[in-house]
């Protein structure tokens, strides 16, 4: 078995996997919860006019109160689903980088 620490080249697939794992460790990759990929994220209040509000959503921030822009959308969607919603109205931030908003259950 090759000893990669002694100069042997790592096979391409392993090096890609290793790079992905390092990137996720550094950025804190967030995977989507079941159903989160179907959450509608909007800034248009008319899109939730016939919906029921189910709770407030706040994005993930670090110790300096800075938004985690790399994972903001996934975190927002996951939190909407956790509240039982299927639509998130962004009240602070953008649709791409939501900071906070309201989760709604829409028909």
Protein backbone atom coordinates (compact mmCIF):
# COMPACT_ATOMS: atom_id res chain seq x y z
CA UNK A 1 0.00 0.00 0.00
CA UNK A 2 1.47 3.39 -0.99
CA UNK A 3 2.46 5.82 1.73
CA UNK A 4 1.03 9.17 0.61
CA UNK A 5 2.89 11.07 3.31
CA UNK A 6 6.21 9.98 1.76
CA UNK A 7 5.69 11.56 -1.64
CA UNK A 8 3.45 9.04 -3.44
CA UNK A 9 0.80 10.74 -5.53
CA UNK A 10 -2.76 10.41 -4.29
CA UNK A 11 -5.15 8.92 -6.88
CA UNK A 12 -7.23 11.67 -8.61
CA UNK A 13 -10.61 10.64 -7.14
CA UNK A 14 -9.23 10.51 -3.62
CA UNK A 15 -7.61 13.90 -4.00
CA UNK A 16 -10.89 15.43 -5.22
CA UNK A 17 -12.77 13.87 -2.32
CA UNK A 18 -10.13 15.06 0.10
CA UNK A 19 -10.30 18.59 -1.35
CA UNK A 20 -14.09 18.61 -1.01
CA UNK A 21 -13.89 17.45 2.59
CA UNK A 22 -11.34 20.14 3.41
CA UNK A 23 -13.48 22.80 1.71
CA UNK A 24 -16.55 21.69 3.65
CA UNK A 25 -14.61 21.69 6.89
CA UNK A 26 -13.39 25.21 6.26
CA UNK A 27 -16.71 26.65 5.09
CA UNK A 28 -19.03 24.51 7.18
CA UNK A 29 -21.07 23.03 4.35
CA UNK A 30 -24.76 22.80 5.19
CA UNK A 31 -26.86 20.14 3.51
CA UNK A 32 -30.53 20.67 2.83
CA UNK A 33 -33.10 19.04 5.07
CA UNK A 34 -35.75 16.91 3.37
CA UNK A 35 -38.18 19.25 1.60
CA UNK A 36 -35.93 22.32 1.88
CA UNK A 37 -35.14 22.19 -1.83
CA UNK A 38 -38.83 22.89 -2.51
CA UNK A 39 -39.05 25.98 -0.25
CA UNK A 40 -39.93 29.16 -2.12
CA UNK A 41 -37.73 32.03 -0.95
CA UNK A 42 -39.09 35.45 -1.87
CA UNK A 43 -39.04 39.14 -0.97
CA UNK A 44 -42.50 39.66 -2.51
CA UNK A 45 -45.06 40.01 0.30
CA UNK A 46 -47.92 39.40 -2.15
CA UNK A 47 -46.60 35.85 -2.64
CA UNK A 48 -47.59 35.01 0.95
CA UNK A 49 -50.89 36.93 1.07
CA UNK A 50 -52.98 33.73 1.31
CA UNK A 51 -50.51 31.86 3.53
CA UNK A 52 -50.27 31.29 7.27
CA UNK A 53 -47.21 32.56 9.14
CA UNK A 54 -45.60 29.77 11.19
CA UNK A 55 -42.60 31.54 12.70
CA UNK A 56 -39.67 33.89 12.38
CA UNK A 57 -36.48 32.75 10.68
CA UNK A 58 -33.01 34.07 11.40
CA UNK A 59 -30.02 33.03 9.34
CA UNK A 60 -26.79 31.68 10.72
CA UNK A 61 -24.33 34.28 12.02
CA UNK A 62 -20.87 33.93 13.54
CA UNK A 63 -19.56 35.31 16.84
CA UNK A 64 -19.06 38.72 15.19
CA UNK A 65 -22.71 38.76 14.05
CA UNK A 66 -21.62 38.30 10.43
CA UNK A 67 -23.85 36.31 8.07
CA UNK A 68 -22.47 33.03 6.76
CA UNK A 69 -22.97 33.94 3.09
CA UNK A 70 -21.79 30.55 1.79
CA UNK A 71 -24.56 28.69 3.60
CA UNK A 72 -27.20 31.39 4.13
CA UNK A 73 -29.71 30.03 1.63
CA UNK A 74 -29.48 26.43 2.86
CA UNK A 75 -29.74 27.46 6.53
CA UNK A 76 -32.74 29.71 5.80
CA UNK A 77 -34.53 26.97 3.83
CA UNK A 78 -33.82 24.37 6.53
CA UNK A 79 -35.21 26.65 9.23
CA UNK A 80 -38.36 27.35 7.20
CA UNK A 81 -38.94 23.58 6.91
CA UNK A 82 -38.20 23.06 10.62
CA UNK A 83 -41.03 25.48 11.43
CA UNK A 84 -43.41 23.58 9.16
CA UNK A 85 -43.30 26.11 6.36
CA UNK A 86 -42.90 25.82 2.63
CA UNK A 87 -42.24 29.49 1.83
CA UNK A 88 -39.81 31.99 3.32
CA UNK A 89 -40.41 35.72 3.07
CA UNK A 90 -37.04 37.48 3.35
CA UNK A 91 -37.28 40.65 5.44
CA UNK A 92 -33.54 41.31 5.71
CA UNK A 93 -30.96 40.37 3.10
CA UNK A 94 -31.52 39.09 -0.40
CA UNK A 95 -33.13 35.98 -1.81
CA UNK A 96 -29.63 34.61 -2.46
CA UNK A 97 -28.32 35.54 1.01
CA UNK A 98 -31.31 35.73 3.36
CA UNK A 99 -30.48 37.09 6.83
CA UNK A 100 -33.91 36.89 8.41
CA UNK A 101 -37.54 36.56 7.49
CA UNK A 102 -40.81 34.81 8.19
CA UNK A 103 -41.72 31.20 7.45
CA UNK A 104 -45.14 30.60 5.91
CA UNK A 105 -47.27 27.55 5.14
CA UNK A 106 -48.90 28.16 1.78
CA UNK A 107 -51.58 26.08 0.05
